[in-house]
């Protein structure tokens, strides 16, 4: 496919990001820092890449045109106090809290409970200044920009000034999760929020981190959350990554996770997506060692004109590995859901055990669901299965519940909740699971 058409088509949009970057650099009052050099490299890289079009197979069902139309600005911390934050905290959860408002770090609202020895959470800028982590942080940034072909990742690296660096030393278990809260409030102009997390678990360590992405009730602004996670799981280590998304009617989200796993490790991703105007989640894992496990568990619920697109990829590149993937979603009104799950089993990846299942409910005549499970197997001694179902509620079950005293709305809500409850059972953290159920129940009640 020729890229000339795409470049001409989005030349004006790319120029707007370039001008915003130049304005940001001109307003930067901080001393020169190595991170700024990476940001400049990333902006130059973005200028050489193309925005995806629907001619691209990976974006066949999702257009980014609406995301690129607004004239974005960099946001400010405003309109939020400590009382507002409580709404977005799972009840009873003791966590290390980091709060971003309109893409900017709020030091006043953030607090760290005492981190255990060997668990480190800091700004990427500070990690680069550290004698201990400086080389690791630079290596990670070099890896992100090397051979990068995703323009949204390049833009993320260019505009992300408050990136986080999460690092657990060997054999350290952090019992309390790290909770990274992104909150969007009303703003006079559309806001660009670019945030990056670099998470590393050394041999034998384990920790969990949660990303909460919410719009403050009553806010009606347009914003674009461009979020990127780079995850490295060492030998016999485990990282739990939770993503809770409940964006506004004019909230755009592109969320990408790139994970690498070493031998005997586990990486578990848990996603609850309750929609935005356009949401695209890209979740990718590459296997670097044997006897490891990858878990993807996702729930999504789209209403009105929401568009939710989940793209996943698991690369079984070595033998004796396992992956489990279960996604369930509901779309109603004029919403559209997309699921594209790809599992690749390479030639040398013998004894692979891969499971993938996507199931969805379409509850209105105007709602749409596109599901595309993919298996590419080049080894002959494997156990792989995949499936996809798209259907409606069983009206006989609705009738049965109504005969037991429930009204029509209650009966349908109960069946919908039962449909997605299977996925939530895999959520390891009890408070996060309860919080996710509460968010889903509120959406059922709307």
Protein backbone atom coordinates (compact mmCIF):
# COMPACT_ATOMS: atom_id res chain seq x y z
CA UNK A 1 0.00 0.00 0.00
CA UNK A 2 1.32 3.41 -0.94
CA UNK A 3 1.78 5.79 2.01
CA UNK A 4 1.63 8.93 -0.11
CA UNK A 5 -2.16 9.22 0.11
CA UNK A 6 -2.11 8.78 3.90
CA UNK A 7 0.65 11.38 4.32
CA UNK A 8 -1.22 13.95 2.21
CA UNK A 9 -4.48 13.16 3.93
CA UNK A 10 -3.17 13.83 7.42
CA UNK A 11 -0.55 16.48 6.68
CA UNK A 12 -2.56 19.19 8.45
CA UNK A 13 -3.15 17.01 11.52
CA UNK A 14 0.54 16.13 11.79
CA UNK A 15 1.42 19.81 11.50
CA UNK A 16 -0.90 20.64 14.41
CA UNK A 17 0.91 18.16 16.65
CA UNK A 18 4.26 19.58 15.51
CA UNK A 19 3.17 23.11 16.38
CA UNK A 20 1.84 22.01 19.76
CA UNK A 21 5.15 20.29 20.48
CA UNK A 22 7.08 23.44 19.60
CA UNK A 23 4.83 25.51 21.86
CA UNK A 24 5.38 23.03 24.68
CA UNK A 25 9.14 23.18 24.23
CA UNK A 26 9.13 26.97 24.17
CA UNK A 27 7.14 27.10 27.41
CA UNK A 28 9.38 24.55 29.16
CA UNK A 29 11.16 26.37 31.98
CA UNK A 30 13.06 23.34 33.30
CA UNK A 31 16.77 22.84 32.68
CA UNK A 32 17.78 20.66 29.74
CA UNK A 33 17.35 16.98 30.54
CA UNK A 34 18.18 13.70 28.74
CA UNK A 35 14.44 12.88 28.59
CA UNK A 36 13.92 15.97 26.44
CA UNK A 37 16.33 14.55 23.86
CA UNK A 38 14.24 11.39 23.65
CA UNK A 39 11.11 13.50 23.32
CA UNK A 40 12.63 15.41 20.42
CA UNK A 41 13.68 12.15 18.75
CA UNK A 42 10.16 10.83 19.19
CA UNK A 43 8.62 13.93 17.60
CA UNK A 44 10.93 13.62 14.61
CA UNK A 45 9.95 9.95 14.32
CA UNK A 46 6.25 10.85 14.44
CA UNK A 47 6.79 13.22 11.54
CA UNK A 48 8.06 10.34 9.42
CA UNK A 49 5.19 7.96 10.27
CA UNK A 50 1.59 7.83 9.06
CA UNK A 51 -1.69 7.85 10.89
CA UNK A 52 -3.64 4.66 10.21
CA UNK A 53 -6.56 4.64 7.81
CA UNK A 54 -9.34 2.11 7.39
CA UNK A 55 -7.43 0.71 4.43
CA UNK A 56 -5.04 -0.74 7.01
CA UNK A 57 -6.16 -4.22 8.05
CA UNK A 58 -5.54 -3.47 11.75
CA UNK A 59 -7.82 -0.41 11.57
CA UNK A 60 -10.44 -1.82 9.23
CA UNK A 61 -13.27 -1.22 11.70
CA UNK A 62 -11.96 1.88 13.48
CA UNK A 63 -11.38 5.31 11.98
CA UNK A 64 -9.11 7.76 13.81
CA UNK A 65 -10.39 10.77 11.83
CA UNK A 66 -12.57 12.07 14.65
CA UNK A 67 -9.68 11.76 17.12
CA UNK A 68 -7.41 13.92 14.96
CA UNK A 69 -9.88 16.73 14.18
CA UNK A 70 -9.70 18.86 17.39
CA UNK A 71 -7.01 21.46 18.03
CA UNK A 72 -5.53 20.05 21.23
CA UNK A 73 -3.77 21.89 24.01
CA UNK A 74 -1.83 20.75 27.05
CA UNK A 75 -4.07 20.59 30.13
CA UNK A 76 -3.80 21.96 33.64
CA UNK A 77 -4.67 20.61 37.07
CA UNK A 78 -8.02 22.19 37.85
CA UNK A 79 -11.45 21.50 39.27
CA UNK A 80 -10.50 18.54 41.49
CA UNK A 81 -9.98 18.20 45.23
CA UNK A 82 -9.35 15.32 47.61
CA UNK A 83 -13.09 14.69 48.06
CA UNK A 84 -13.52 14.19 44.31
CA UNK A 85 -10.81 11.55 44.24
CA UNK A 86 -12.63 9.26 46.67
CA UNK A 87 -15.23 8.49 44.00
CA UNK A 88 -12.61 6.71 41.91
CA UNK A 89 -10.93 4.70 44.67
CA UNK A 90 -12.03 1.10 45.24
CA UNK A 91 -13.55 0.88 48.70
CA UNK A 92 -11.18 -0.54 51.28
CA UNK A 93 -8.20 -0.60 48.93
CA UNK A 94 -4.87 0.43 50.44
CA UNK A 95 -2.72 1.58 47.54
CA UNK A 96 0.11 3.84 46.50
CA UNK A 97 -1.84 6.60 44.72
CA UNK A 98 -0.61 8.79 41.88
CA UNK A 99 -3.10 11.27 40.39
CA UNK A 100 -3.03 12.96 37.00
CA UNK A 101 -5.62 15.64 36.19
CA UNK A 102 -6.01 16.61 32.54
CA UNK A 103 -2.72 14.89 31.86
CA UNK A 104 -0.73 16.74 34.54
CA UNK A 105 0.67 15.27 37.74
CA UNK A 106 -1.11 16.51 40.86
CA UNK A 107 1.42 16.28 43.66
CA UNK A 108 -1.15 17.56 46.16
CA UNK A 109 -3.55 14.70 45.43
CA UNK A 110 -0.93 11.98 45.10
CA UNK A 111 0.42 10.12 48.07
CA UNK A 112 2.61 7.09 48.49
CA UNK A 113 2.10 4.71 51.35
CA UNK A 114 5.43 3.33 52.45
CA UNK A 115 6.82 1.25 49.64
CA UNK A 116 8.48 -1.99 50.64
CA UNK A 117 12.24 -2.15 50.36
CA UNK A 118 13.13 -3.00 46.78
CA UNK A 119 9.99 -1.51 45.17
CA UNK A 120 10.60 1.78 43.37
CA UNK A 121 8.07 4.16 41.79
CA UNK A 122 9.31 7.48 40.43
CA UNK A 123 9.09 9.84 37.52
CA UNK A 124 11.00 8.62 34.49
CA UNK A 125 12.88 11.91 34.53
CA UNK A 126 14.14 11.15 38.03
CA UNK A 127 14.99 7.56 37.08
CA UNK A 128 17.23 8.84 34.29
CA UNK A 129 19.01 11.07 36.80
CA UNK A 130 19.58 8.13 39.13
CA UNK A 131 22.93 6.36 39.18
CA UNK A 132 21.13 3.12 39.85
CA UNK A 133 18.36 3.28 37.23
CA UNK A 134 19.71 5.72 34.67
CA UNK A 135 21.08 3.11 32.25
CA UNK A 136 17.94 0.95 32.59
CA UNK A 137 15.63 3.89 31.88
CA UNK A 138 17.66 4.94 28.82
CA UNK A 139 17.70 1.38 27.53
CA UNK A 140 13.92 1.25 27.81
CA UNK A 141 13.47 4.51 25.91
CA UNK A 142 15.89 3.37 23.21
CA UNK A 143 13.88 0.17 22.87
CA UNK A 144 10.61 2.09 22.55
CA UNK A 145 11.90 4.31 19.74
CA UNK A 146 13.90 1.66 17.89
CA UNK A 147 12.05 0.41 14.81
CA UNK A 148 8.83 2.00 16.12
CA UNK A 149 6.10 2.01 13.48
CA UNK A 150 3.14 3.25 15.57
CA UNK A 151 2.73 7.01 15.28
CA UNK A 152 0.63 7.14 18.45
CA UNK A 153 3.49 5.61 20.47
CA UNK A 154 5.88 8.16 18.96
CA UNK A 155 3.50 11.00 19.87
CA UNK A 156 3.12 9.58 23.36
CA UNK A 157 6.89 9.62 23.88
CA UNK A 158 7.10 13.14 22.46
CA UNK A 159 4.45 14.68 24.72
CA UNK A 160 4.78 12.56 27.86
CA UNK A 161 6.59 14.75 30.39
CA UNK A 162 5.36 13.01 33.55
CA UNK A 163 6.11 9.41 32.62
CA UNK A 164 6.42 6.89 35.44
CA UNK A 165 9.11 4.31 36.14
CA UNK A 166 8.05 1.26 38.18
CA UNK A 167 10.74 -1.21 39.21
CA UNK A 168 10.76 -4.17 41.58
CA UNK A 169 14.06 -5.73 42.64
CA UNK A 170 14.74 -9.46 42.78
CA UNK A 171 12.43 -11.51 45.00
CA UNK A 172 10.46 -8.47 46.19
CA UNK A 173 6.68 -8.83 46.59
CA UNK A 174 4.74 -5.56 46.81
CA UNK A 175 1.48 -6.36 48.55
CA UNK A 176 -0.18 -2.98 47.98
CA UNK A 177 -0.98 -2.08 44.37
CA UNK A 178 0.13 1.12 42.68
CA UNK A 179 -2.95 3.05 41.54
CA UNK A 180 -2.41 5.53 38.69
CA UNK A 181 -5.54 7.66 38.35
CA UNK A 182 -6.21 9.75 35.22
CA UNK A 183 -9.06 12.21 35.64
CA UNK A 184 -10.44 14.52 32.95
CA UNK A 185 -12.33 17.67 33.91
CA UNK A 186 -13.94 20.51 32.00
CA UNK A 187 -11.49 22.59 29.98
CA UNK A 188 -11.90 25.50 27.59
CA UNK A 189 -10.07 23.70 24.78
CA UNK A 190 -9.65 20.01 23.86
CA UNK A 191 -6.93 18.43 25.97
CA UNK A 192 -4.13 16.05 24.95
CA UNK A 193 -3.06 13.68 27.72
CA UNK A 194 0.05 11.66 26.87
CA UNK A 195 1.24 9.33 29.60
CA UNK A 196 3.80 6.52 29.65
CA UNK A 197 4.46 3.80 32.23
CA UNK A 198 7.65 1.76 32.15
CA UNK A 199 7.20 -1.26 34.44
CA UNK A 200 9.92 -3.82 35.19
CA UNK A 201 9.88 -6.83 37.50
CA UNK A 202 13.20 -8.49 38.25
CA UNK A 203 13.63 -12.22 38.88
CA UNK A 204 11.19 -13.65 41.42
CA UNK A 205 9.37 -10.37 42.13
CA UNK A 206 5.67 -9.52 41.94
CA UNK A 207 3.57 -6.38 41.95
CA UNK A 208 0.28 -5.01 40.66
CA UNK A 209 -0.53 -1.66 39.19
CA UNK A 210 -3.89 -0.21 38.26
CA UNK A 211 -4.71 2.43 35.69
CA UNK A 212 -8.01 4.22 36.24
CA UNK A 213 -9.18 6.46 33.41
CA UNK A 214 -12.28 8.51 34.23
CA UNK A 215 -14.12 11.70 33.38
CA UNK A 216 -15.38 13.79 36.29
CA UNK A 217 -19.21 13.73 36.43
CA UNK A 218 -20.67 16.77 34.74
CA UNK A 219 -17.66 17.37 32.52
CA UNK A 220 -18.40 17.65 28.81
CA UNK A 221 -15.03 18.55 27.31
CA UNK A 222 -13.25 16.86 24.44
CA UNK A 223 -9.96 15.15 25.29
CA UNK A 224 -7.56 12.56 23.92
CA UNK A 225 -5.88 10.10 26.29
CA UNK A 226 -2.87 8.60 24.50
CA UNK A 227 -1.53 6.06 27.01
CA UNK A 228 1.43 3.72 26.58
CA UNK A 229 2.77 0.92 28.81
CA UNK A 230 6.05 -0.90 28.33
CA UNK A 231 6.20 -3.96 30.58
CA UNK A 232 9.18 -6.27 31.18
CA UNK A 233 8.59 -9.36 33.32
CA UNK A 234 11.75 -11.11 34.47
CA UNK A 235 12.29 -14.80 35.13
CA UNK A 236 9.81 -16.26 37.62
CA UNK A 237 8.27 -12.81 38.13
CA UNK A 238 4.62 -11.71 37.92
CA UNK A 239 3.05 -8.38 36.99
CA UNK A 240 -0.70 -7.81 37.35
CA UNK A 241 -1.92 -4.91 35.20
CA UNK A 242 -5.47 -3.61 35.67
CA UNK A 243 -7.05 -1.06 33.33
CA UNK A 244 -10.38 0.55 34.31
CA UNK A 245 -11.84 2.85 31.66
CA UNK A 246 -14.95 4.99 31.98
CA UNK A 247 -14.48 7.92 29.63
CA UNK A 248 -16.79 10.78 28.68
CA UNK A 249 -19.09 11.23 25.71
CA UNK A 250 -16.34 13.13 23.87
CA UNK A 251 -13.38 11.24 25.28
CA UNK A 252 -10.97 9.61 22.84
CA UNK A 253 -8.58 6.90 24.01
CA UNK A 254 -5.73 5.00 22.43
CA UNK A 255 -4.19 2.69 25.00
CA UNK A 256 -1.28 0.42 24.09
CA UNK A 257 0.58 -2.17 26.17
CA UNK A 258 3.77 -3.88 24.93
CA UNK A 259 4.93 -6.67 27.25
CA UNK A 260 7.92 -9.02 27.20
CA UNK A 261 8.17 -12.10 29.41
CA UNK A 262 11.14 -14.20 30.47
CA UNK A 263 11.06 -17.85 31.53
CA UNK A 264 8.64 -19.11 34.23
CA UNK A 265 6.99 -15.68 34.47
CA UNK A 266 3.39 -14.51 34.42
CA UNK A 267 1.85 -11.38 32.95
CA UNK A 268 -1.84 -10.84 33.63
CA UNK A 269 -3.85 -8.02 32.09
CA UNK A 270 -7.37 -7.26 33.34
CA UNK A 271 -9.43 -4.69 31.40
CA UNK A 272 -12.82 -3.18 32.15
CA UNK A 273 -13.88 -0.79 29.40
CA UNK A 274 -17.12 1.11 29.87
CA UNK A 275 -16.58 3.27 26.86
CA UNK A 276 -15.75 6.66 25.46
CA UNK A 277 -16.53 8.25 22.14
CA UNK A 278 -13.76 6.18 20.55
CA UNK A 279 -11.62 3.72 22.52
CA UNK A 280 -8.85 1.61 20.99
CA UNK A 281 -6.93 -0.83 23.21
CA UNK A 282 -3.80 -2.50 21.77
CA UNK A 283 -2.43 -5.30 23.96
CA UNK A 284 0.70 -7.19 22.83
CA UNK A 285 2.92 -9.77 24.54
CA UNK A 286 6.08 -11.46 23.26
CA UNK A 287 7.45 -14.61 24.89
CA UNK A 288 11.21 -14.63 25.49
CA UNK A 289 11.55 -17.72 27.69
CA UNK A 290 9.88 -21.08 28.24
CA UNK A 291 7.33 -22.25 30.85
CA UNK A 292 5.62 -18.87 31.15
CA UNK A 293 1.94 -17.87 31.23
CA UNK A 294 0.10 -14.92 29.71
CA UNK A 295 -3.43 -14.03 30.85
CA UNK A 296 -5.78 -11.55 29.14
CA UNK A 297 -9.19 -10.96 30.71
CA UNK A 298 -11.45 -8.23 29.35
CA UNK A 299 -14.96 -6.84 29.79
CA UNK A 300 -16.51 -4.04 27.74
CA UNK A 301 -19.93 -2.39 27.60
CA UNK A 302 -20.83 0.19 24.95
CA UNK A 303 -23.96 2.33 24.82
CA UNK A 304 -25.28 5.24 22.78
CA UNK A 305 -22.64 6.07 20.12
CA UNK A 306 -19.61 4.63 21.88
CA UNK A 307 -17.00 2.78 19.86
CA UNK A 308 -14.82 0.21 21.68
CA UNK A 309 -12.07 -1.67 19.83
CA UNK A 310 -9.90 -4.31 21.53
CA UNK A 311 -6.90 -5.61 19.56
CA UNK A 312 -4.73 -8.28 21.21
CA UNK A 313 -1.63 -10.17 20.11
CA UNK A 314 0.28 -12.98 21.83
CA UNK A 315 3.53 -14.13 20.23
CA UNK A 316 4.40 -17.69 21.27
CA UNK A 317 8.03 -17.57 20.15
CA UNK A 318 9.45 -20.30 22.43
CA UNK A 319 8.26 -23.78 23.53
CA UNK A 320 6.39 -24.87 26.66
CA UNK A 321 4.30 -21.73 27.17
CA UNK A 322 0.65 -21.09 27.92
CA UNK A 323 -1.79 -18.27 27.20
CA UNK A 324 -5.37 -17.70 28.33
CA UNK A 325 -7.58 -15.06 26.77
CA UNK A 326 -11.22 -14.39 27.60
CA UNK A 327 -13.15 -11.30 26.50
CA UNK A 328 -16.87 -10.63 26.93
CA UNK A 329 -18.73 -7.54 25.80
CA UNK A 330 -22.13 -5.93 25.42
CA UNK A 331 -23.14 -3.30 22.85
CA UNK A 332 -26.52 -1.59 22.66
CA UNK A 333 -28.17 1.56 21.26
CA UNK A 334 -25.92 2.67 18.35
CA UNK A 335 -22.66 1.49 19.91
CA UNK A 336 -20.05 -0.55 18.06
CA UNK A 337 -17.68 -3.14 19.44
CA UNK A 338 -14.61 -4.65 17.82
CA UNK A 339 -12.49 -7.59 18.97
CA UNK A 340 -9.44 -8.76 17.03
CA UNK A 341 -7.41 -11.36 18.89
CA UNK A 342 -4.34 -12.83 17.26
CA UNK A 343 -2.25 -15.70 18.61
CA UNK A 344 0.90 -16.68 16.76
CA UNK A 345 2.69 -19.97 17.46
CA UNK A 346 6.09 -19.94 15.82
CA UNK A 347 7.90 -22.93 14.35
CA UNK A 348 10.03 -23.69 17.41
CA UNK A 349 7.23 -23.10 19.95
CA UNK A 350 6.37 -26.76 20.51
CA UNK A 351 4.20 -27.83 23.48
CA UNK A 352 2.30 -24.53 23.36
CA UNK A 353 -1.10 -24.39 25.05
CA UNK A 354 -3.15 -21.40 23.87
CA UNK A 355 -6.81 -20.66 24.64
CA UNK A 356 -8.81 -17.73 23.27
CA UNK A 357 -12.53 -16.96 23.53
CA UNK A 358 -14.51 -13.85 22.62
CA UNK A 359 -18.24 -13.62 23.33
CA UNK A 360 -20.54 -10.64 22.90
CA UNK A 361 -24.16 -9.59 23.17
CA UNK A 362 -25.76 -7.22 20.66
CA UNK A 363 -28.90 -5.76 22.24
CA UNK A 364 -30.29 -3.38 19.64
CA UNK A 365 -30.87 -3.31 15.91
CA UNK A 366 -28.50 -0.36 15.47
CA UNK A 367 -25.61 -1.76 17.51
CA UNK A 368 -22.73 -3.49 15.71
CA UNK A 369 -20.13 -6.06 16.70
CA UNK A 370 -17.13 -7.20 14.66
CA UNK A 371 -15.17 -10.17 15.99
CA UNK A 372 -12.07 -11.62 14.38
CA UNK A 373 -10.21 -14.35 16.28
CA UNK A 374 -6.96 -15.40 14.62
CA UNK A 375 -4.62 -18.34 15.10
CA UNK A 376 -1.40 -18.65 13.13
CA UNK A 377 0.29 -21.96 13.99
CA UNK A 378 3.63 -23.03 12.54
CA UNK A 379 4.39 -25.79 15.09
CA UNK A 380 2.85 -29.27 15.06
CA UNK A 381 2.85 -30.32 18.74
CA UNK A 382 0.48 -27.76 20.28
CA UNK A 383 -2.93 -27.43 21.91
CA UNK A 384 -4.67 -24.32 20.61
CA UNK A 385 -8.31 -23.31 20.53
CA UNK A 386 -10.20 -20.18 19.73
CA UNK A 387 -13.82 -19.18 19.39
CA UNK A 388 -16.14 -16.23 18.95
CA UNK A 389 -19.86 -15.89 19.60
CA UNK A 390 -22.21 -12.99 18.91
CA UNK A 391 -25.81 -13.23 20.08
CA UNK A 392 -28.72 -11.73 21.98
CA UNK A 393 -30.32 -12.34 25.34
CA UNK A 394 -32.36 -15.50 25.67
CA UNK A 395 -35.95 -14.27 25.77
CA UNK A 396 -37.10 -17.44 27.55
CA UNK A 397 -34.70 -16.59 30.38
CA UNK A 398 -36.06 -13.04 30.48
CA UNK A 399 -39.59 -14.44 30.70
CA UNK A 400 -38.59 -16.82 33.50
CA UNK A 401 -37.10 -14.03 35.62
CA UNK A 402 -40.13 -11.80 35.04
CA UNK A 403 -42.37 -14.64 36.18
CA UNK A 404 -40.41 -14.61 39.43
CA UNK A 405 -41.24 -10.96 40.14
CA UNK A 406 -38.59 -8.94 38.32
CA UNK A 407 -39.56 -6.24 35.85
CA UNK A 408 -38.23 -6.34 32.30
CA UNK A 409 -35.32 -3.97 32.97
CA UNK A 410 -34.23 -5.85 36.10
CA UNK A 411 -34.41 -9.21 34.33
CA UNK A 412 -32.31 -8.07 31.40
CA UNK A 413 -29.75 -6.37 33.65
CA UNK A 414 -29.39 -9.54 35.72
CA UNK A 415 -28.76 -11.67 32.62
CA UNK A 416 -26.26 -9.19 31.25
CA UNK A 417 -24.40 -9.10 34.55
CA UNK A 418 -24.32 -12.91 34.69
CA UNK A 419 -22.96 -12.96 31.16
CA UNK A 420 -19.87 -10.91 31.99
CA UNK A 421 -19.44 -12.09 35.60
CA UNK A 422 -17.37 -15.06 34.43
CA UNK A 423 -14.56 -12.74 33.36
CA UNK A 424 -14.59 -10.74 36.59
CA UNK A 425 -14.03 -13.92 38.57
CA UNK A 426 -10.49 -14.02 37.20
CA UNK A 427 -9.63 -10.63 38.71
CA UNK A 428 -7.20 -11.48 41.49
CA UNK A 429 -7.52 -8.29 43.52
CA UNK A 430 -10.79 -8.41 45.46
CA UNK A 431 -11.26 -4.65 45.91
CA UNK A 432 -10.61 -4.00 42.23
CA UNK A 433 -13.08 -6.74 41.27
CA UNK A 434 -15.76 -5.28 43.55
CA UNK A 435 -15.10 -1.78 42.21
CA UNK A 436 -15.40 -3.02 38.62
CA UNK A 437 -18.71 -4.72 39.43
CA UNK A 438 -19.98 -1.48 40.98
CA UNK A 439 -19.06 0.52 37.87
CA UNK A 440 -20.75 -2.03 35.61
CA UNK A 441 -23.89 -2.14 37.74
CA UNK A 442 -24.17 1.65 37.60
CA UNK A 443 -24.00 1.53 33.84
CA UNK A 444 -26.72 -1.13 33.76
CA UNK A 445 -28.91 1.19 35.84
CA UNK A 446 -28.50 4.17 33.50
